[in-house]
C-alpha atoms as a PDB file:
ATOM      1  CA  UNK A   1      23.646 -10.846   1.689  1.00  0.00           C
ATOM      2  CA  UNK A   2      20.047 -10.383   0.659  1.00  0.00           C
ATOM      3  CA  UNK A   3      18.385 -11.012  -2.695  1.00  0.00           C
ATOM      4  CA  UNK A   4      16.540  -7.878  -3.616  1.00  0.00           C
ATOM      5  CA  UNK A   5      12.896  -8.338  -4.461  1.00  0.00           C
ATOM      6  CA  UNK A   6      12.360  -6.335  -7.676  1.00  0.00           C
ATOM      7  CA  UNK A   7       8.955  -4.778  -7.410  1.00  0.00           C
ATOM      8  CA  UNK A   8       9.643  -2.295 -10.194  1.00  0.00           C
ATOM      9  CA  UNK A   9      10.081  -4.892 -12.927  1.00  0.00           C
ATOM     10  CA  UNK A  10       6.987  -6.785 -11.791  1.00  0.00           C
ATOM     11  CA  UNK A  11       4.976  -3.523 -11.688  1.00  0.00           C
ATOM     12  CA  UNK A  12       5.972  -2.734 -15.292  1.00  0.00           C
ATOM     13  CA  UNK A  13       4.735  -6.111 -16.389  1.00  0.00           C
ATOM     14  CA  UNK A  14       1.391  -5.599 -14.611  1.00  0.00           C
ATOM     15  CA  UNK A  15       1.039  -2.119 -16.239  1.00  0.00           C
ATOM     16  CA  UNK A  16       1.746  -3.543 -19.683  1.00  0.00           C
ATOM     17  CA  UNK A  17      -0.950  -6.182 -19.192  1.00  0.00           C
ATOM     18  CA  UNK A  18      -3.391  -3.542 -17.976  1.00  0.00           C
ATOM     19  CA  UNK A  19      -2.624  -1.334 -20.916  1.00  0.00           C
ATOM     20  CA  UNK A  20      -3.431  -4.169 -23.323  1.00  0.00           C
ATOM     21  CA  UNK A  21      -6.666  -4.887 -21.462  1.00  0.00           C
ATOM     22  CA  UNK A  22      -7.827  -1.296 -21.442  1.00  0.00           C
ATOM     23  CA  UNK A  23      -7.199  -1.079 -25.113  1.00  0.00           C
ATOM     24  CA  UNK A  24      -8.662  -4.485 -26.040  1.00  0.00           C
ATOM     25  CA  UNK A  25     -11.881  -3.840 -24.043  1.00  0.00           C
ATOM     26  CA  UNK A  26     -12.076  -0.164 -24.987  1.00  0.00           C
ATOM     27  CA  UNK A  27     -12.417   0.840 -21.330  1.00  0.00           C
ATOM     28  CA  UNK A  28     -12.923   4.473 -20.544  1.00  0.00           C
ATOM     29  CA  UNK A  29     -11.644   4.782 -16.998  1.00  0.00           C
ATOM     30  CA  UNK A  30     -10.951   7.747 -14.765  1.00  0.00           C
ATOM     31  CA  UNK A  31      -9.115   7.698 -11.441  1.00  0.00           C
ATOM     32  CA  UNK A  32      -9.930  10.553  -9.036  1.00  0.00           C
ATOM     33  CA  UNK A  33      -7.342  11.259  -6.288  1.00  0.00           C
ATOM     34  CA  UNK A  34      -8.109  13.512  -3.273  1.00  0.00           C
ATOM     35  CA  UNK A  35      -5.201  15.250  -1.723  1.00  0.00           C
ATOM     36  CA  UNK A  36      -5.485  17.316   1.494  1.00  0.00           C
ATOM     37  CA  UNK A  37      -2.537  19.451   2.426  1.00  0.00           C
ATOM     38  CA  UNK A  38       0.955  19.337   0.885  1.00  0.00           C
ATOM     39  CA  UNK A  39       2.951  16.296   2.231  1.00  0.00           C
ATOM     40  CA  UNK A  40       6.206  15.393   0.441  1.00  0.00           C
ATOM     41  CA  UNK A  41       5.553  11.697   0.403  1.00  0.00           C
ATOM     42  CA  UNK A  42       2.073  12.327  -0.922  1.00  0.00           C
ATOM     43  CA  UNK A  43       3.499  14.502  -3.766  1.00  0.00           C
ATOM     44  CA  UNK A  44       5.885  11.710  -4.721  1.00  0.00           C
ATOM     45  CA  UNK A  45       3.114   9.085  -4.918  1.00  0.00           C
ATOM     46  CA  UNK A  46       0.777  11.429  -6.763  1.00  0.00           C
ATOM     47  CA  UNK A  47       3.329  11.861  -9.486  1.00  0.00           C
ATOM     48  CA  UNK A  48       3.885   8.106  -9.738  1.00  0.00           C
ATOM     49  CA  UNK A  49       0.143   7.378  -9.852  1.00  0.00           C
ATOM     50  CA  UNK A  50      -0.394  10.006 -12.559  1.00  0.00           C
ATOM     51  CA  UNK A  51       2.454   8.482 -14.652  1.00  0.00           C
ATOM     52  CA  UNK A  52       1.100   4.935 -14.193  1.00  0.00           C
ATOM     53  CA  UNK A  53      -2.370   6.077 -15.303  1.00  0.00           C
ATOM     54  CA  UNK A  54      -0.895   7.649 -18.452  1.00  0.00           C
ATOM     55  CA  UNK A  55       0.957   4.431 -19.221  1.00  0.00           C
ATOM     56  CA  UNK A  56      -2.192   2.292 -19.357  1.00  0.00           C
ATOM     57  CA  UNK A  57      -4.562   4.864 -20.802  1.00  0.00           C
ATOM     58  CA  UNK A  58      -6.542   5.920 -17.746  1.00  0.00           C
ATOM     59  CA  UNK A  59      -7.617   9.511 -17.123  1.00  0.00           C
ATOM     60  CA  UNK A  60      -6.200  10.983 -13.888  1.00  0.00           C
ATOM     61  CA  UNK A  61      -8.025  13.723 -11.931  1.00  0.00           C
ATOM     62  CA  UNK A  62      -6.576  15.439  -8.909  1.00  0.00           C
ATOM     63  CA  UNK A  63      -8.749  17.184  -6.374  1.00  0.00           C
ATOM     64  CA  UNK A  64      -6.650  19.318  -4.015  1.00  0.00           C
ATOM     65  CA  UNK A  65      -7.907  20.815  -0.778  1.00  0.00           C
ATOM     66  CA  UNK A  66      -6.199  22.947   1.915  1.00  0.00           C
ATOM     67  CA  UNK A  67      -4.798  21.306   5.017  1.00  0.00           C
ATOM     68  CA  UNK A  68      -7.155  23.308   7.222  1.00  0.00           C
ATOM     69  CA  UNK A  69     -10.320  21.980   5.580  1.00  0.00           C
ATOM     70  CA  UNK A  70     -12.980  20.670   7.997  1.00  0.00           C
ATOM     71  CA  UNK A  71     -14.521  17.174   7.999  1.00  0.00           C
ATOM     72  CA  UNK A  72     -17.858  18.618   6.884  1.00  0.00           C
ATOM     73  CA  UNK A  73     -16.316  20.449   3.971  1.00  0.00           C
ATOM     74  CA  UNK A  74     -14.265  17.506   2.843  1.00  0.00           C
ATOM     75  CA  UNK A  75     -17.162  15.075   3.294  1.00  0.00           C
ATOM     76  CA  UNK A  76     -19.286  17.331   1.009  1.00  0.00           C
ATOM     77  CA  UNK A  77     -16.604  17.349  -1.742  1.00  0.00           C
ATOM     78  CA  UNK A  78     -15.896  13.581  -1.536  1.00  0.00           C
ATOM     79  CA  UNK A  79     -19.623  12.840  -1.769  1.00  0.00           C
ATOM     80  CA  UNK A  80     -19.861  14.951  -4.901  1.00  0.00           C
ATOM     81  CA  UNK A  81     -16.812  13.223  -6.440  1.00  0.00           C
ATOM     82  CA  UNK A  82     -18.306   9.777  -5.663  1.00  0.00           C
ATOM     83  CA  UNK A  83     -21.497  10.806  -7.487  1.00  0.00           C
ATOM     84  CA  UNK A  84     -19.799  11.614 -10.802  1.00  0.00           C
ATOM     85  CA  UNK A  85     -20.522   8.924 -13.268  1.00  0.00           C
ATOM     86  CA  UNK A  86     -17.353   9.494 -15.341  1.00  0.00           C
ATOM     87  CA  UNK A  87     -15.183   8.664 -12.264  1.00  0.00           C
ATOM     88  CA  UNK A  88     -14.358   4.992 -12.072  1.00  0.00           C
ATOM     89  CA  UNK A  89     -12.274   4.892  -8.920  1.00  0.00           C
ATOM     90  CA  UNK A  90     -11.407   7.155  -5.984  1.00  0.00           C
ATOM     91  CA  UNK A  91      -8.308   7.335  -3.796  1.00  0.00           C
ATOM     92  CA  UNK A  92      -8.053   9.417  -0.632  1.00  0.00           C
ATOM     93  CA  UNK A  93      -4.367  10.153  -0.008  1.00  0.00           C
ATOM     94  CA  UNK A  94      -3.529   9.217   3.612  1.00  0.00           C
ATOM     95  CA  UNK A  95      -2.915  10.328   6.207  1.00  0.00           C
ATOM     96  CA  UNK A  96      -5.482  13.098   6.418  1.00  0.00           C
ATOM     97  CA  UNK A  97      -4.959  16.063   8.778  1.00  0.00           C
ATOM     98  CA  UNK A  98      -5.665  15.336  12.460  1.00  0.00           C
ATOM     99  CA  UNK A  99      -8.887  17.351  12.520  1.00  0.00           C
ATOM    100  CA  UNK A 100     -10.481  15.128   9.864  1.00  0.00           C
ATOM    101  CA  UNK A 101     -12.716  12.253  10.812  1.00  0.00           C
ATOM    102  CA  UNK A 102     -10.938   9.826   8.408  1.00  0.00           C
ATOM    103  CA  UNK A 103     -13.339   6.838   8.659  1.00  0.00           C
ATOM    104  CA  UNK A 104     -16.255   9.084   7.890  1.00  0.00           C
ATOM    105  CA  UNK A 105     -14.639  10.448   4.769  1.00  0.00           C
ATOM    106  CA  UNK A 106     -13.472   7.015   3.545  1.00  0.00           C
ATOM    107  CA  UNK A 107     -16.962   5.561   4.098  1.00  0.00           C
ATOM    108  CA  UNK A 108     -18.409   8.019   1.596  1.00  0.00           C
ATOM    109  CA  UNK A 109     -16.744   6.104  -1.271  1.00  0.00           C
ATOM    110  CA  UNK A 110     -18.949   3.454  -2.861  1.00  0.00           C
ATOM    111  CA  UNK A 111     -17.591  -0.120  -2.834  1.00  0.00           C
ATOM    112  CA  UNK A 112     -17.372  -0.140  -6.616  1.00  0.00           C
ATOM    113  CA  UNK A 113     -15.084   2.948  -6.607  1.00  0.00           C
ATOM    114  CA  UNK A 114     -13.087   2.139  -3.482  1.00  0.00           C
ATOM    115  CA  UNK A 115     -10.042   0.576  -5.199  1.00  0.00           C
ATOM    116  CA  UNK A 116      -7.917   1.100  -2.113  1.00  0.00           C
ATOM    117  CA  UNK A 117     -10.303  -1.051   0.012  1.00  0.00           C
ATOM    118  CA  UNK A 118     -10.355   1.481   2.876  1.00  0.00           C
ATOM    119  CA  UNK A 119     -14.105   2.027   3.497  1.00  0.00           C
ATOM    120  CA  UNK A 120     -15.841  -0.148   6.037  1.00  0.00           C
ATOM    121  CA  UNK A 121     -17.924  -1.844   3.281  1.00  0.00           C
ATOM    122  CA  UNK A 122     -14.913  -2.665   1.142  1.00  0.00           C
ATOM    123  CA  UNK A 123     -12.841  -3.885   4.041  1.00  0.00           C
ATOM    124  CA  UNK A 124     -15.796  -5.964   5.185  1.00  0.00           C
ATOM    125  CA  UNK A 125     -15.919  -7.799   1.865  1.00  0.00           C
ATOM    126  CA  UNK A 126     -12.171  -8.336   1.958  1.00  0.00           C
ATOM    127  CA  UNK A 127     -12.224  -9.702   5.503  1.00  0.00           C
ATOM    128  CA  UNK A 128     -15.032 -12.093   4.526  1.00  0.00           C
ATOM    129  CA  UNK A 129     -13.143 -13.312   1.502  1.00  0.00           C
ATOM    130  CA  UNK A 130     -15.820 -12.184  -1.012  1.00  0.00           C
ATOM    131  CA  UNK A 131     -14.064  -9.138  -2.477  1.00  0.00           C
ATOM    132  CA  UNK A 132     -12.973  -9.094  -6.132  1.00  0.00           C
ATOM    133  CA  UNK A 133      -9.918  -7.094  -5.157  1.00  0.00           C
ATOM    134  CA  UNK A 134      -7.385  -6.844  -2.346  1.00  0.00           C
ATOM    135  CA  UNK A 135      -5.870  -3.833  -0.653  1.00  0.00           C
ATOM    136  CA  UNK A 136      -2.971  -2.799  -2.940  1.00  0.00           C
ATOM    137  CA  UNK A 137      -0.177  -3.290  -0.383  1.00  0.00           C
ATOM    138  CA  UNK A 138      -1.488  -6.746   0.418  1.00  0.00           C
ATOM    139  CA  UNK A 139      -1.653  -7.572  -3.256  1.00  0.00           C
ATOM    140  CA  UNK A 140       1.864  -6.249  -3.873  1.00  0.00           C
ATOM    141  CA  UNK A 141       3.402  -8.321  -1.117  1.00  0.00           C
ATOM    142  CA  UNK A 142       1.409 -11.426  -2.236  1.00  0.00           C
ATOM    143  CA  UNK A 143       2.696 -10.922  -5.767  1.00  0.00           C
ATOM    144  CA  UNK A 144       6.322 -10.767  -4.638  1.00  0.00           C
ATOM    145  CA  UNK A 145       5.864 -13.852  -2.475  1.00  0.00           C
ATOM    146  CA  UNK A 146       4.427 -15.746  -5.475  1.00  0.00           C
ATOM    147  CA  UNK A 147       6.948 -14.451  -8.015  1.00  0.00           C
ATOM    148  CA  UNK A 148       9.915 -15.382  -5.828  1.00  0.00           C
ATOM    149  CA  UNK A 149       8.389 -18.641  -4.672  1.00  0.00           C
ATOM    150  CA  UNK A 150       8.569 -17.673  -0.959  1.00  0.00           C
ATOM    151  CA  UNK A 151       6.565 -19.872   1.357  1.00  0.00           C
ATOM    152  CA  UNK A 152       4.922 -18.409   4.449  1.00  0.00           C
ATOM    153  CA  UNK A 153       3.599 -21.738   5.744  1.00  0.00           C
ATOM    154  CA  UNK A 154       4.823 -22.483   9.262  1.00  0.00           C
ATOM    155  CA  UNK A 155       6.909 -19.222   9.492  1.00  0.00           C
ATOM    156  CA  UNK A 156       6.904 -16.728  12.324  1.00  0.00           C
ATOM    157  CA  UNK A 157       5.731 -13.457  10.765  1.00  0.00           C
ATOM    158  CA  UNK A 158       5.961 -10.047  12.439  1.00  0.00           C
ATOM    159  CA  UNK A 159       4.196  -6.913  11.257  1.00  0.00           C
ATOM    160  CA  UNK A 160       5.513  -3.603  12.471  1.00  0.00           C
ATOM    161  CA  UNK A 161       2.747  -1.009  12.536  1.00  0.00           C
ATOM    162  CA  UNK A 162      -1.022  -1.518  12.756  1.00  0.00           C
ATOM    163  CA  UNK A 163      -2.021   1.248  10.347  1.00  0.00           C
ATOM    164  CA  UNK A 164      -4.922   1.359   8.030  1.00  0.00           C
ATOM    165  CA  UNK A 165      -2.951   0.962   4.802  1.00  0.00           C
ATOM    166  CA  UNK A 166      -0.500  -1.759   5.688  1.00  0.00           C
ATOM    167  CA  UNK A 167      -0.738  -3.400   9.139  1.00  0.00           C
ATOM    168  CA  UNK A 168      -4.424  -3.997   9.477  1.00  0.00           C
ATOM    169  CA  UNK A 169      -5.243  -5.538   6.124  1.00  0.00           C
ATOM    170  CA  UNK A 170      -2.025  -7.573   6.052  1.00  0.00           C
ATOM    171  CA  UNK A 171      -2.917  -9.050   9.453  1.00  0.00           C
ATOM    172  CA  UNK A 172      -6.150 -10.486   8.096  1.00  0.00           C
ATOM    173  CA  UNK A 173      -4.446 -11.859   4.972  1.00  0.00           C
ATOM    174  CA  UNK A 174      -1.551 -13.403   6.796  1.00  0.00           C
ATOM    175  CA  UNK A 175      -3.773 -15.110   9.383  1.00  0.00           C
ATOM    176  CA  UNK A 176      -5.163 -17.150   6.448  1.00  0.00           C
ATOM    177  CA  UNK A 177      -1.634 -18.264   5.340  1.00  0.00           C
ATOM    178  CA  UNK A 178      -1.091 -20.889   8.081  1.00  0.00           C
ATOM    179  CA  UNK A 179       1.576 -18.805   9.799  1.00  0.00           C
ATOM    180  CA  UNK A 180       2.261 -17.527  13.272  1.00  0.00           C
ATOM    181  CA  UNK A 181       1.633 -13.780  13.427  1.00  0.00           C
ATOM    182  CA  UNK A 182       2.685 -11.020  15.787  1.00  0.00           C
ATOM    183  CA  UNK A 183       1.938  -7.333  15.445  1.00  0.00           C
ATOM    184  CA  UNK A 184       3.944  -4.609  17.196  1.00  0.00           C
ATOM    185  CA  UNK A 185       3.275  -0.904  17.240  1.00  0.00           C
ATOM    186  CA  UNK A 186       4.195   2.277  19.164  1.00  0.00           C
ATOM    187  CA  UNK A 187       2.771   0.765  22.343  1.00  0.00           C
ATOM    188  CA  UNK A 188       4.983  -2.282  22.266  1.00  0.00           C
ATOM    189  CA  UNK A 189       7.692  -1.875  24.965  1.00  0.00           C
ATOM    190  CA  UNK A 190      10.489  -3.895  23.433  1.00  0.00           C
ATOM    191  CA  UNK A 191       9.986  -4.167  19.663  1.00  0.00           C
ATOM    192  CA  UNK A 192      13.433  -5.774  19.070  1.00  0.00           C
ATOM    193  CA  UNK A 193      12.616  -8.708  21.329  1.00  0.00           C
ATOM    194  CA  UNK A 194       9.768  -9.605  18.899  1.00  0.00           C
ATOM    195  CA  UNK A 195      11.398  -8.715  15.547  1.00  0.00           C
ATOM    196  CA  UNK A 196      14.489 -10.849  16.352  1.00  0.00           C
ATOM    197  CA  UNK A 197      12.280 -13.902  16.231  1.00  0.00           C
ATOM    198  CA  UNK A 198      10.767 -13.123  12.871  1.00  0.00           C
ATOM    199  CA  UNK A 199      11.283 -15.329   9.876  1.00  0.00           C
ATOM    200  CA  UNK A 200       9.395 -12.706   7.897  1.00  0.00           C
ATOM    201  CA  UNK A 201       9.208  -9.074   8.905  1.00  0.00           C
ATOM    202  CA  UNK A 202       6.943  -6.526   7.268  1.00  0.00           C
ATOM    203  CA  UNK A 203       7.255  -2.826   8.320  1.00  0.00           C
ATOM    204  CA  UNK A 204       4.887  -0.140   7.239  1.00  0.00           C
ATOM    205  CA  UNK A 205       5.312   2.682   9.765  1.00  0.00           C
ATOM    206  CA  UNK A 206       6.963   5.483   7.793  1.00  0.00           C
ATOM    207  CA  UNK A 207       9.918   6.092  10.084  1.00  0.00           C
ATOM    208  CA  UNK A 208      13.471   6.058   8.577  1.00  0.00           C
ATOM    209  CA  UNK A 209      15.897   3.539   9.994  1.00  0.00           C
ATOM    210  CA  UNK A 210      13.314   2.099  12.338  1.00  0.00           C
ATOM    211  CA  UNK A 211      14.472  -1.518  11.759  1.00  0.00           C
ATOM    212  CA  UNK A 212      18.231  -2.082  12.074  1.00  0.00           C
ATOM    213  CA  UNK A 213      20.375  -5.162  11.524  1.00  0.00           C
ATOM    214  CA  UNK A 214      20.540  -5.739  15.296  1.00  0.00           C
ATOM    215  CA  UNK A 215      16.729  -6.129  15.293  1.00  0.00           C
ATOM    216  CA  UNK A 216      16.487  -9.034  12.880  1.00  0.00           C
ATOM    217  CA  UNK A 217      17.755 -12.553  12.776  1.00  0.00           C
ATOM    218  CA  UNK A 218      20.107 -13.931  10.161  1.00  0.00           C
ATOM    219  CA  UNK A 219      18.339 -15.133   7.052  1.00  0.00           C
ATOM    220  CA  UNK A 220      15.038 -13.355   7.650  1.00  0.00           C
ATOM    221  CA  UNK A 221      12.822 -12.143   4.847  1.00  0.00           C
ATOM    222  CA  UNK A 222      12.177  -8.343   5.013  1.00  0.00           C
ATOM    223  CA  UNK A 223       9.370  -6.397   3.322  1.00  0.00           C
ATOM    224  CA  UNK A 224       9.781  -2.633   3.657  1.00  0.00           C
ATOM    225  CA  UNK A 225       6.440  -0.913   3.115  1.00  0.00           C
ATOM    226  CA  UNK A 226       7.344   2.348   4.894  1.00  0.00           C
ATOM    227  CA  UNK A 227       7.439   5.705   3.070  1.00  0.00           C
ATOM    228  CA  UNK A 228       9.086   8.878   4.336  1.00  0.00           C
ATOM    229  CA  UNK A 229      11.894  11.350   3.458  1.00  0.00           C
ATOM    230  CA  UNK A 230      15.466  11.532   4.795  1.00  0.00           C
ATOM    231  CA  UNK A 231      17.977  14.100   3.505  1.00  0.00           C
ATOM    232  CA  UNK A 232      15.658  14.852   0.661  1.00  0.00           C
ATOM    233  CA  UNK A 233      15.381  11.256  -0.532  1.00  0.00           C
ATOM    234  CA  UNK A 234      12.484   8.834  -0.334  1.00  0.00           C
ATOM    235  CA  UNK A 235      13.299   6.024   2.189  1.00  0.00           C
ATOM    236  CA  UNK A 236      11.580   3.158   3.898  1.00  0.00           C
ATOM    237  CA  UNK A 237      11.626   1.839   7.503  1.00  0.00           C
ATOM    238  CA  UNK A 238      14.619  -0.418   7.019  1.00  0.00           C
ATOM    239  CA  UNK A 239      18.227   0.672   7.723  1.00  0.00           C
ATOM    240  CA  UNK A 240      19.532  -0.788   4.496  1.00  0.00           C
ATOM    241  CA  UNK A 241      23.242  -0.744   5.360  1.00  0.00           C
ATOM    242  CA  UNK A 242      22.868  -3.039   8.381  1.00  0.00           C
ATOM    243  CA  UNK A 243      19.877  -5.078   7.314  1.00  0.00           C
ATOM    244  CA  UNK A 244      21.106  -5.998   3.792  1.00  0.00           C
ATOM    245  CA  UNK A 245      23.957  -8.241   4.967  1.00  0.00           C
ATOM    246  CA  UNK A 246      21.797 -10.308   7.280  1.00  0.00           C
ATOM    247  CA  UNK A 247      18.491 -10.749   5.372  1.00  0.00           C
ATOM    248  CA  UNK A 248      17.873 -13.478   2.784  1.00  0.00           C
ATOM    249  CA  UNK A 249      15.340 -11.431   0.858  1.00  0.00           C
ATOM    250  CA  UNK A 250      14.762  -7.671   1.068  1.00  0.00           C
ATOM    251  CA  UNK A 251      12.560  -5.115  -0.736  1.00  0.00           C
ATOM    252  CA  UNK A 252      14.557  -2.018  -1.677  1.00  0.00           C
ATOM    253  CA  UNK A 253      13.309   1.554  -1.382  1.00  0.00           C
ATOM    254  CA  UNK A 254      12.764   2.776  -4.012  1.00  0.00           C
ATOM    255  CA  UNK A 255      11.952  -0.013  -6.435  1.00  0.00           C
ATOM    256  CA  UNK A 256      10.312  -2.555  -4.123  1.00  0.00           C
ATOM    257  CA  UNK A 257       6.791  -2.429  -2.744  1.00  0.00           C
ATOM    258  CA  UNK A 258       6.076   1.219  -3.790  1.00  0.00           C
ATOM    259  CA  UNK A 259       5.735   0.857  -7.554  1.00  0.00           C
ATOM    260  CA  UNK A 260       4.158  -2.527  -7.251  1.00  0.00           C
ATOM    261  CA  UNK A 261       1.463  -1.097  -4.924  1.00  0.00           C
ATOM    262  CA  UNK A 262       0.520   1.503  -7.490  1.00  0.00           C
ATOM    263  CA  UNK A 263       0.312  -1.169 -10.283  1.00  0.00           C
ATOM    264  CA  UNK A 264      -1.908  -3.256  -7.998  1.00  0.00           C
ATOM    265  CA  UNK A 265      -4.101  -0.252  -7.325  1.00  0.00           C
ATOM    266  CA  UNK A 266      -4.717   0.264 -10.987  1.00  0.00           C
ATOM    267  CA  UNK A 267      -5.315  -3.446 -11.416  1.00  0.00           C
ATOM    268  CA  UNK A 268      -8.120  -3.043  -8.907  1.00  0.00           C
ATOM    269  CA  UNK A 269      -9.475  -0.153 -10.912  1.00  0.00           C
ATOM    270  CA  UNK A 270      -9.539  -2.225 -14.107  1.00  0.00           C
ATOM    271  CA  UNK A 271     -10.927  -5.298 -12.374  1.00  0.00           C
ATOM    272  CA  UNK A 272     -13.831  -3.410 -10.810  1.00  0.00           C
ATOM    273  CA  UNK A 273     -14.759  -1.911 -14.199  1.00  0.00           C
ATOM    274  CA  UNK A 274     -14.368  -4.732 -16.656  1.00  0.00           C
END
């Protein structure tokens, strides 16, 4: 049976350290979050981000816009938010509605305020290895790997999903860890044939029960970075019932990567402003 990777406890430690730093350096920080539409997963993470900001003494501002907003309208609003001197960091809650030109909106955030590392400029610095911060999900997984003394060297790693938040930035980071990497997505014909060979599997699709016990090999390490709802509860991509008995390590949902990602996001905010 798997050892559960406790992201919640690690996140609480990071937040305690950030609170002390904010107080010691007398930092006046403000996080602005842009929400478009009314998605359940988004609402959950907004509440958690607000609570985390309160814990460390950071102001939280929420800018809400209707789901039918146009790219032009949203771009105008984000540009204005970015220009406000009192705002230290900006987060655009993804995914945005289909009619929105997402890259255009994300690229309006200045590098100094892009604590999610989603704009072309911020991603470019990360890819080149010259960024002060890492994308929060990458940082969260890196923290768990370090805390539990997990080695990636020489391992066969599979990422399920090539999305902007999880798959793409993780691909770049893992390629620098001396590991063999495969990425599968919706266009992969037989996902199970790839995932069964994984020593380490990372899934960030947002589809409940996507990865079952039959799709992994015995003793594999599983990082569940998916977020969705099933029967009114927040769940990940992993079918816990069948995966838990076979994996050696597993991140639970909730309590795994989610809270740690938020802590790493705020760590980016503090690091960019201290």
